[in-house]
Protein backbone atom coordinates (compact mmCIF):
# COMPACT_ATOMS: atom_id res chain seq x y z
CA MET A 1 127.39 161.20 77.53
CA GLN A 2 130.58 159.03 77.64
CA ASN A 3 133.04 161.95 76.33
CA PHE A 4 131.77 164.48 79.27
CA ILE A 5 131.90 162.13 82.12
CA HIS A 6 135.69 162.97 83.04
CA ASN A 7 135.87 166.68 82.30
CA PRO A 8 136.32 168.65 85.26
CA VAL A 9 134.36 171.66 83.98
CA LYS A 10 130.98 170.25 83.64
CA LYS A 11 129.19 170.86 86.45
CA TYR A 12 129.38 174.76 85.63
CA LEU A 13 129.40 174.80 82.26
CA ILE A 14 125.65 173.86 82.33
CA TRP A 15 124.37 176.40 84.45
CA ALA A 16 126.01 179.63 82.86
CA LEU A 17 123.41 178.96 80.39
CA VAL A 18 121.37 182.23 81.67
CA PRO A 19 118.06 181.99 81.07
CA ILE A 20 118.55 178.23 81.31
CA THR A 21 117.07 177.52 77.69
CA ILE A 22 118.88 176.21 74.72
CA PHE A 23 118.90 177.63 71.55
CA GLN A 24 119.13 175.64 68.33
CA SER A 25 119.72 176.54 64.74
CA CYS A 26 120.77 173.64 62.83
CA LYS A 27 122.34 175.30 60.06
CA SER A 28 119.83 177.73 59.03
CA GLU A 29 120.72 180.64 56.50
CA SER A 30 121.81 183.01 59.12
CA GLY A 31 123.09 181.10 62.15
CA LEU A 32 121.71 183.86 64.45
CA TYR A 33 117.74 183.26 64.36
CA PRO A 34 117.74 180.26 67.11
CA ILE A 35 114.62 178.65 67.80
CA PRO A 36 114.13 178.07 71.68
CA GLU A 37 114.50 174.42 72.72
CA THR A 38 112.79 173.07 76.34
CA SER A 39 115.17 173.31 79.26
CA ILE A 40 117.71 170.71 79.59
CA SER A 41 119.56 168.86 82.22
CA ASP A 42 123.35 169.08 82.96
CA GLN A 43 123.50 165.53 81.35
CA ASN A 44 123.28 166.46 77.77
CA VAL A 45 123.64 170.43 77.07
CA PHE A 46 126.56 169.08 74.41
CA ASP A 47 125.27 165.80 73.81
CA THR A 48 123.88 166.72 70.06
CA PRO A 49 125.15 168.21 67.17
CA ALA A 50 122.43 170.90 67.44
CA ARG A 51 122.45 171.51 71.22
CA ILE A 52 126.33 172.37 70.61
CA GLU A 53 125.60 174.76 67.29
CA GLY A 54 122.76 176.05 69.62
CA LEU A 55 125.57 176.99 72.08
CA VAL A 56 127.61 178.68 69.88
CA ASN A 57 124.43 180.60 68.56
CA GLY A 58 124.03 181.57 71.99
CA ILE A 59 127.59 183.70 71.89
CA TYR A 60 126.15 185.52 68.63
CA ARG A 61 122.94 186.46 70.60
CA ASN A 62 124.66 187.71 73.47
CA LEU A 63 126.92 190.11 71.19
CA LYS A 64 123.98 191.51 69.79
CA ALA A 65 122.15 192.19 72.88
CA ALA A 66 120.95 195.88 72.89
CA SER A 67 123.34 197.31 75.11
CA LEU A 68 126.44 196.17 72.67
CA TYR A 69 126.49 195.67 69.12
CA GLY A 70 122.19 195.34 68.87
CA GLY A 71 123.62 199.08 68.73
CA ARG A 72 124.09 201.22 71.89
CA TYR A 73 127.98 200.52 71.69
CA LEU A 74 128.42 202.08 68.34
CA LEU A 75 125.78 204.89 69.32
CA TYR A 76 128.31 205.67 72.44
CA GLN A 77 131.26 205.50 70.26
CA ASP A 78 129.76 207.54 67.58
CA VAL A 79 128.45 210.44 69.89
CA ARG A 80 131.61 210.90 71.98
CA GLY A 81 132.90 212.47 68.74
CA GLU A 82 131.84 215.57 66.98
CA GLU A 83 129.52 214.36 64.21
CA PHE A 84 125.95 214.54 66.36
CA ILE A 85 124.41 217.36 68.30
CA ASN A 86 122.18 215.83 71.04
CA VAL A 87 118.59 217.06 70.92
CA THR A 88 116.58 215.49 73.89
CA ALA A 89 119.32 215.15 76.55
CA ASN A 90 117.81 211.60 77.04
CA SER A 91 119.76 209.20 79.20
CA TYR A 92 118.25 206.23 77.79
CA THR A 93 119.96 207.23 74.00
CA ALA A 94 123.50 207.85 75.21
CA TYR A 95 123.20 211.36 76.29
CA GLU A 96 125.89 210.80 78.85
CA SER A 97 127.84 209.67 76.53
CA TRP A 98 127.42 212.86 74.37
CA ASN A 99 128.17 214.89 77.38
CA ASN A 100 131.01 212.57 78.97
CA SER A 101 129.07 212.54 82.17
CA TYR A 102 129.43 208.76 82.87
CA SER A 103 129.41 207.78 86.49
CA SER A 104 129.78 204.16 87.92
CA GLY A 105 126.15 203.70 88.35
CA SER A 106 125.04 204.90 84.79
CA ASN A 107 122.73 202.27 83.40
CA ASP A 108 124.84 202.42 79.86
CA ILE A 109 127.94 201.27 81.98
CA ASN A 110 126.83 198.67 83.55
CA ASN A 111 124.77 197.37 80.98
CA LEU A 112 127.64 197.45 78.55
CA TRP A 113 129.94 195.72 81.06
CA THR A 114 127.53 193.03 81.63
CA GLY A 115 126.52 192.31 77.87
CA ALA A 116 130.27 191.71 77.36
CA TYR A 117 131.42 189.76 80.30
CA ALA A 118 128.05 187.37 79.02
CA THR A 119 129.69 187.01 75.69
CA ILE A 120 132.84 186.72 77.08
CA ASN A 121 131.55 183.85 79.45
CA SER A 122 129.34 182.21 76.95
CA ALA A 123 132.52 181.82 74.49
CA ASN A 124 134.46 180.51 77.43
CA ILE A 125 131.65 177.57 77.98
CA VAL A 126 131.91 176.58 74.38
CA ILE A 127 135.98 176.42 74.44
CA GLN A 128 136.22 174.63 77.32
CA GLY A 129 133.28 172.41 76.72
CA LEU A 130 134.27 171.04 73.31
CA GLU A 131 137.61 169.99 74.16
CA ASN A 132 137.30 167.06 74.17
CA THR A 133 133.99 166.06 73.01
CA GLU A 134 133.25 162.82 70.44
CA VAL A 135 129.70 164.07 69.78
CA ILE A 136 130.67 165.95 66.44
CA SER A 137 134.20 165.85 64.47
CA ARG A 138 137.52 167.55 65.93
CA GLU A 139 136.89 169.88 62.62
CA ALA A 140 133.71 171.13 63.60
CA ALA A 141 134.74 171.44 67.48
CA SER A 142 137.95 173.32 66.10
CA ALA A 143 135.61 175.91 64.08
CA TYR A 144 133.02 176.42 66.62
CA ILE A 145 136.15 177.28 69.37
CA GLY A 146 137.50 179.40 66.34
CA GLU A 147 133.85 181.20 66.28
CA ALA A 148 133.90 181.29 70.16
CA LYS A 149 137.54 182.60 70.35
CA PHE A 150 136.78 185.40 67.78
CA LEU A 151 133.85 186.71 69.64
CA ARG A 152 135.74 186.37 72.74
CA ALA A 153 138.52 188.65 70.89
CA LEU A 154 135.44 191.18 69.73
CA ALA A 155 133.78 191.89 73.12
CA TYR A 156 137.18 192.33 75.04
CA PHE A 157 138.30 194.56 72.80
CA SER A 158 134.61 196.44 72.86
CA LEU A 159 135.75 197.03 76.59
CA ILE A 160 139.10 197.49 76.66
CA THR A 161 138.71 200.38 74.09
CA VAL A 162 136.35 202.46 76.41
CA PHE A 163 137.24 201.09 79.66
CA GLY A 164 140.92 201.35 79.76
CA GLN A 165 143.11 203.94 79.03
CA PRO A 166 144.30 203.62 75.23
CA TYR A 167 147.41 202.00 74.61
CA ASN A 168 149.39 204.11 72.86
CA SER A 169 149.10 206.21 75.81
CA ASP A 170 151.96 204.08 77.97
CA GLN A 171 152.19 201.00 75.50
CA GLY A 172 149.59 199.25 77.46
CA ALA A 173 151.21 199.49 80.92
CA SER A 174 147.81 201.05 82.77
CA ALA A 175 145.29 199.02 84.32
CA GLY A 176 142.82 197.35 81.75
CA VAL A 177 139.92 194.93 82.93
CA PRO A 178 140.02 191.56 84.06
CA LEU A 179 141.11 188.72 82.03
CA ARG A 180 138.63 186.29 82.66
CA LEU A 181 139.14 182.87 80.44
CA GLN A 182 137.32 180.35 82.47
CA ALA A 183 133.67 179.36 81.97
CA GLU A 184 131.82 180.44 85.25
CA THR A 185 128.48 180.21 86.96
CA GLY A 186 128.70 181.34 90.15
CA THR A 187 130.35 184.20 92.40
CA GLN A 188 133.40 182.03 94.00
CA ASN A 189 135.86 183.42 91.49
CA ASN A 190 134.35 187.08 91.06
CA ASP A 191 137.70 188.39 92.68
CA LEU A 192 140.23 188.94 90.00
CA ALA A 193 142.60 191.40 89.53
CA ARG A 194 142.33 193.87 86.31
CA SER A 195 145.10 192.87 83.96
CA SER A 196 147.26 195.19 82.14
CA VAL A 197 145.84 196.85 78.71
CA ALA A 198 148.90 195.12 76.98
CA GLU A 199 147.71 191.89 78.44
CA ILE A 200 144.59 192.10 77.30
CA TYR A 201 145.81 193.12 73.54
CA THR A 202 147.91 190.03 73.95
CA GLN A 203 145.10 187.71 74.35
CA ILE A 204 142.82 189.39 71.95
CA LEU A 205 145.83 188.77 69.10
CA LYS A 206 146.07 185.45 70.44
CA ASP A 207 142.47 184.37 70.17
CA LEU A 208 142.41 185.62 66.85
CA ASP A 209 145.39 184.10 65.64
CA GLU A 210 143.82 181.02 66.82
CA ALA A 211 140.90 181.85 65.55
CA GLU A 212 141.74 182.36 62.03
CA GLN A 213 143.77 178.82 61.88
CA ALA A 214 140.63 176.93 63.10
CA LEU A 215 137.63 178.98 61.63
CA PRO A 216 136.40 177.78 57.57
CA ASP A 217 137.58 179.73 54.53
CA LYS A 218 134.21 180.44 53.94
CA HIS A 219 130.55 179.18 54.79
CA ALA A 220 127.61 177.80 52.59
CA SER A 221 125.49 180.65 51.96
CA ALA A 222 125.99 184.70 51.64
CA SER A 223 124.08 184.74 54.49
CA LEU A 224 126.31 182.85 56.52
CA ASN A 225 129.33 184.31 55.07
CA THR A 226 127.98 187.73 56.74
CA THR A 227 126.41 186.45 59.80
CA ARG A 228 129.17 184.10 61.00
CA ALA A 229 132.84 184.26 61.30
CA HIS A 230 135.58 182.85 59.12
CA LYS A 231 139.16 183.19 58.67
CA ASN A 232 138.75 186.68 56.35
CA THR A 233 136.25 188.11 59.53
CA ALA A 234 139.37 187.12 62.02
CA ILE A 235 141.86 188.64 59.41
CA ALA A 236 139.89 191.46 59.22
CA LEU A 237 139.89 192.60 62.66
CA LYS A 238 142.99 191.99 63.30
CA THR A 239 143.55 194.78 61.16
CA ARG A 240 141.39 197.34 63.58
CA VAL A 241 143.15 195.88 66.48
CA TYR A 242 147.04 196.24 64.95
CA LEU A 243 145.91 199.86 63.86
CA THR A 244 144.59 200.41 67.03
CA THR A 245 148.38 199.96 68.61
CA LYS A 246 150.17 201.38 66.32
CA ASN A 247 151.83 198.20 64.80
CA PHE A 248 151.62 199.61 61.13
CA ALA A 249 153.97 196.69 59.87
CA LYS A 250 150.92 193.86 61.24
CA VAL A 251 148.13 195.93 59.96
CA SER A 252 149.72 195.39 56.50
CA GLU A 253 150.92 191.94 56.92
CA GLU A 254 147.28 191.09 57.99
CA ALA A 255 145.38 193.24 55.23
CA ALA A 256 147.25 192.06 52.55
CA LYS A 257 146.16 188.36 52.82
CA ILE A 258 142.71 189.82 51.98
CA VAL A 259 143.85 192.85 49.98
CA PRO A 260 146.70 191.35 47.45
CA GLN A 261 146.70 193.90 44.72
CA THR A 262 148.98 196.60 44.98
CA ALA A 263 146.30 198.74 42.68
CA ALA A 264 142.32 198.83 42.49
CA PRO A 265 140.25 197.10 42.01
CA PHE A 266 140.96 195.56 45.45
CA SER A 267 139.39 192.18 46.03
CA ALA A 268 139.96 189.01 48.17
CA GLN A 269 141.17 186.10 46.65
CA ARG A 270 141.23 183.62 49.24
CA GLY A 271 138.04 182.29 51.31
CA VAL A 272 134.80 185.08 50.68
CA ALA A 273 135.75 187.40 47.82
CA HIS A 274 135.55 190.17 49.56
CA GLN A 275 134.82 193.87 47.48
CA LEU A 276 133.45 197.04 47.62
CA GLN A 277 129.77 197.38 46.12
CA SER A 278 129.51 199.56 43.27
CA ASP A 279 127.08 201.77 45.97
CA LEU A 280 126.92 201.91 49.60
CA GLN A 281 123.30 202.19 49.54
CA THR A 282 122.99 198.63 48.77
CA VAL A 283 125.01 197.67 52.02
CA PHE A 284 122.81 200.03 53.90
CA GLY A 285 118.84 198.94 53.59
CA GLY A 286 119.16 196.77 50.12
CA ASN A 287 121.02 193.32 50.41
CA TYR A 288 122.39 192.78 53.84
CA THR A 289 124.79 190.10 52.73
CA THR A 290 126.94 191.47 50.22
CA THR A 291 130.37 190.44 50.04
CA GLU A 292 131.66 193.68 51.51
CA SER A 293 129.88 192.75 54.53
CA ILE A 294 132.23 191.00 56.83
CA LEU A 295 130.23 190.22 59.55
CA SER A 296 127.10 191.82 60.49
CA LEU A 297 124.44 191.27 63.25
CA PRO A 298 120.89 190.31 61.72
CA MET A 299 117.94 191.14 63.22
CA THR A 300 114.14 189.88 61.84
CA PRO A 301 110.67 191.32 62.64
CA THR A 302 110.62 188.47 65.79
CA ASP A 303 114.36 189.31 66.70
CA ALA A 304 115.16 192.58 66.69
CA VAL A 305 116.30 195.46 69.09
CA SER A 306 113.40 197.89 69.76
CA GLY A 307 112.56 201.58 71.02
CA GLN A 308 115.42 203.42 72.15
CA SER A 309 117.95 200.90 71.99
CA ALA A 310 117.51 200.69 68.17
CA LEU A 311 119.85 202.58 65.84
CA GLY A 312 116.97 203.41 63.69
CA TYR A 313 115.08 204.87 66.26
CA VAL A 314 117.38 206.92 67.81
CA TYR A 315 119.14 208.49 64.27
CA LEU A 316 116.04 208.58 62.27
CA VAL A 317 112.63 207.97 63.61
CA ASN A 318 112.88 209.97 67.06
CA ARG A 319 115.36 212.20 66.04
CA GLU A 320 117.71 212.40 68.94
CA TYR A 321 121.04 213.67 67.45
CA TYR A 322 121.29 215.73 64.23
CA LEU A 323 124.56 215.68 62.19
CA ASN A 324 126.73 218.87 63.52
CA PRO A 325 126.52 221.45 60.42
CA ASN A 326 130.37 222.05 61.21
CA GLY A 327 131.38 218.61 61.61
CA ILE A 328 132.37 216.13 58.95
CA ILE A 329 129.03 217.35 56.43
CA SER A 330 130.42 220.39 55.80
CA ASP A 331 134.05 219.01 54.74
CA ALA A 332 134.98 219.99 51.54
CA GLN A 333 136.11 216.09 50.76
CA TRP A 334 132.19 215.19 51.25
CA ARG A 335 130.97 217.04 48.23
CA SER A 336 127.24 217.52 47.15
CA ASN A 337 126.73 215.11 44.60
CA ASP A 338 128.71 212.22 46.58
CA THR A 339 126.26 209.17 46.62
CA ARG A 340 126.62 208.60 50.39
CA ARG A 341 124.69 211.91 50.80
CA ALA A 342 121.61 209.74 50.03
CA LEU A 343 122.22 208.34 53.22
CA ILE A 344 121.18 211.37 54.82
CA GLN A 345 117.72 212.63 55.49
CA THR A 346 117.12 217.23 55.73
CA THR A 347 114.09 217.36 57.77
CA SER A 348 113.45 220.94 59.39
CA GLY A 349 116.53 222.33 57.90
CA ARG A 350 118.97 219.88 59.94
CA GLN A 351 120.28 216.99 58.74
CA TYR A 352 119.86 213.26 60.15
CA LEU A 353 121.77 209.94 59.40
CA ARG A 354 119.63 207.40 57.77
CA LYS A 355 121.91 204.36 57.07
CA TYR A 356 119.20 202.49 59.51
CA ALA A 357 116.05 203.55 57.80
CA LYS A 358 113.90 200.62 58.68
CA ALA A 359 110.87 201.61 60.48
CA SER A 360 109.51 199.65 63.52
CA PRO A 361 110.28 196.44 64.10
CA TYR A 362 114.26 197.68 63.33
CA ILE A 363 115.62 195.13 61.13
CA ASP A 364 118.63 196.53 59.47
CA TYR A 365 121.39 194.50 60.06
CA ILE A 366 123.73 195.88 62.34
CA PRO A 367 127.20 196.45 60.66
CA VAL A 368 130.39 195.13 62.71
CA ILE A 369 132.75 194.89 59.95
CA ARG A 370 133.14 196.02 56.20
CA TYR A 371 135.61 195.66 53.46
CA ALA A 372 135.96 199.38 53.34
CA GLU A 373 137.05 199.18 57.06
CA VAL A 374 139.98 197.23 55.69
CA LEU A 375 140.90 199.41 53.30
CA LEU A 376 140.68 202.37 55.30
CA ASN A 377 142.72 200.46 57.70
CA TYR A 378 145.63 199.35 55.44
CA ALA A 379 145.68 203.09 53.71
CA GLU A 380 146.54 204.31 57.08
CA SER A 381 148.94 201.84 58.06
CA ALA A 382 150.50 202.09 54.45
CA ALA A 383 150.61 205.89 54.06
CA GLU A 384 152.48 205.42 58.02
CA SER A 385 155.05 203.10 56.87
CA GLY A 386 155.99 205.45 53.78
CA GLN A 387 153.99 203.36 50.89
CA LEU A 388 152.20 206.67 49.78
CA ALA A 389 151.31 205.24 46.47
CA LEU A 390 149.49 201.94 48.30
CA GLY A 391 148.06 204.29 50.85
CA TYR A 392 146.53 206.55 48.10
CA SER A 393 145.40 204.11 45.82
CA LEU A 394 143.42 202.67 48.71
CA LEU A 395 142.05 206.01 49.58
CA SER A 396 141.14 206.37 46.37
CA ALA A 397 139.33 203.27 45.93
CA VAL A 398 136.92 204.17 49.05
CA HIS A 399 136.10 207.39 47.94
CA GLY A 400 135.61 206.84 44.10
CA ARG A 401 133.48 204.07 44.87
CA SER A 402 130.67 207.27 45.78
CA ASP A 403 132.63 210.13 44.05
CA ALA A 404 133.92 209.23 41.17
CA SER A 405 135.02 212.41 39.67
CA PHE A 406 136.48 213.87 42.77
CA THR A 407 140.30 214.79 42.44
CA PHE A 408 142.05 215.07 45.86
CA PRO A 409 144.61 217.85 45.85
CA ALA A 410 147.89 217.05 44.20
CA ALA A 411 150.11 216.53 47.32
CA THR A 412 147.62 213.84 49.05
CA ALA A 413 149.48 211.56 46.88
CA SER A 414 153.16 212.22 47.51
CA ASP A 415 152.90 213.98 51.18
CA ARG A 416 152.79 211.65 53.97
CA SER A 417 150.88 214.12 56.18
CA THR A 418 148.55 215.41 53.64
CA LEU A 419 147.74 211.70 52.76
CA LEU A 420 147.02 210.96 56.42
CA ASN A 421 144.24 213.49 56.81
CA ALA A 422 142.75 212.61 53.68
CA ILE A 423 142.66 209.05 55.09
CA ALA A 424 141.45 210.43 58.56
CA THR A 425 138.60 212.46 57.01
CA GLU A 426 137.49 209.82 54.66
CA ARG A 427 137.00 207.44 57.49
CA ARG A 428 134.88 210.10 59.14
CA ILE A 429 132.95 209.89 56.10
CA GLU A 430 133.08 206.48 54.88
CA LEU A 431 132.44 204.99 58.68
CA LEU A 432 129.84 207.72 60.21
CA GLY A 433 127.44 206.01 62.56
CA GLU A 434 128.74 202.65 62.22
CA GLY A 435 130.51 203.02 65.81
CA PHE A 436 134.09 204.39 64.49
CA ARG A 437 134.19 208.06 65.99
CA GLY A 438 135.46 208.08 69.59
CA HIS A 439 137.69 204.86 69.18
CA ASP A 440 139.83 206.73 66.42
CA LEU A 441 139.99 209.55 68.27
CA LEU A 442 141.50 208.03 71.44
CA ARG A 443 143.80 205.94 69.77
CA LYS A 444 145.27 208.95 68.11
CA LEU A 445 145.52 210.26 71.52
CA GLN A 446 143.21 213.41 70.61
CA PRO A 447 140.74 215.31 72.98
CA LEU A 448 137.03 214.66 72.66
CA PRO A 449 135.38 217.67 70.97
CA ALA A 450 133.58 220.23 72.64
CA LYS A 451 130.18 220.62 70.34
CA GLY A 452 126.73 221.81 70.82
CA ASP A 453 124.26 224.43 69.66
CA ALA A 454 122.65 226.99 71.13
CA ASN A 455 120.43 225.06 73.25
CA ILE A 456 122.86 222.41 74.47
CA GLN A 457 126.75 222.45 74.64
CA THR A 458 129.32 219.94 76.42
CA PRO A 459 133.37 220.98 76.54
CA LYS A 460 136.19 219.42 75.40
CA VAL A 461 137.88 216.67 77.36
CA GLU A 462 141.44 216.39 77.43
CA THR A 463 143.13 213.30 77.33
CA SER A 464 144.37 213.68 81.06
CA ALA A 465 140.67 213.97 82.45
CA GLN A 466 139.24 210.94 84.59
CA ASN A 467 136.27 211.50 81.75
CA TYR A 468 138.40 210.80 78.70
CA ILE A 469 137.44 206.89 79.64
CA PHE A 470 134.55 204.93 80.58
CA PRO A 471 133.94 204.58 84.64
CA ALA A 472 134.21 201.17 86.04
CA PRO A 473 130.58 199.66 86.94
CA ASN A 474 129.18 199.69 89.94
CA THR A 475 128.22 195.92 89.23
CA GLU A 476 131.68 195.17 89.48
CA LEU A 477 132.97 197.49 92.25
CA ALA A 478 130.35 195.63 94.17
CA THR A 479 131.14 192.15 93.38
CA ASN A 480 135.25 192.09 92.62
CA LYS A 481 137.05 192.95 95.46
CA LEU A 482 140.43 192.69 93.42
CA PHE A 483 139.39 195.40 90.80
């Protein structure tokens, strides 16, 4: 193909497709259910619009691998907190994350690292491969590059928040992870020193800013708006990233783009019309493509995470974790008439999470970003910035959706500390089982709490402890002399 003959990255753009199969999805409703195409040569991998789209779909497929956002990454983050009590001590279902005992040889550690960098490399392939393409329009190429940059940013954020010291411990001065921005197919460039935590965050935000500019306002269907990135998806993730670095002014600046109101009802007025659904159960187990779901990863009977990798299996079918009776379910802010209690199942006196309630095959969509999180991110940044009325209004909207008659203590609306505590509690209620608790503890430089029952316990982990973050994986230590 004429436009690629002079592209110096051609030779290694092709063989990075591992396995050497292209996935094609010609604007299917999900964009993530690709149809296998036979293996093709390095002369024509980018030579049709369908094959190019297949490469973009491949990035999403890497992201939804079992070890990453297919379920396990969320599980690792949630069980590090205090909300879940382990039952089985099963190393295949994140027991080592629950009791903070990972080593460099742990399968979870190596698989998470490999899954994230596979996503990053597949994004790099698309970014480099579409720089000079003439097969599709420049507008279409730019949008695909925007998707690739968004997904690269999300993968790097997922890595740095578990393998790097929290940004707020030293403003990102610590060593982070290798920053790989070139498409790779062999081992010749494996040796790469770690960039600082701050440098990784700088790249994440650069990618998200560029993605916002390049991505479309919205897609052609509700399904695509849920499963493919658009402008609001990049903006929403920026609120999470800026909150992590305590840049509250930027959280508010970004959030205001898709939450322009200062009082409820809150909804996006640009691009996709994001808003809270009247019942959270609609989002989990009902209609997975509502406007509350800013990004979710879809599953089908023939394309789903299975067995011990599936959140539904771990939390509900095999009941490997039950909800800590002394955790968030006992908090006064979560009353018995709150409709979110319907997402909990009581069995033999124990309570289990049922946000992922589909039986095998486990076809619950995996939530990555919801509008409720953006409202809570905005609420926290507003409260931290002294905008107490706005913070209280945002908090009340999220809580009131599920418990309209609840009244916060009077001080919540007027005292910054009380409001921030209420927002932190609301995050634990609203985002339970969605991969936030471990991250929230680390970004606030709080210890990982002790937890357990009469059968099994794990001690508190202080912020200075070696196991406060995940160890470097053996797969990287063995192949990267500069790590």
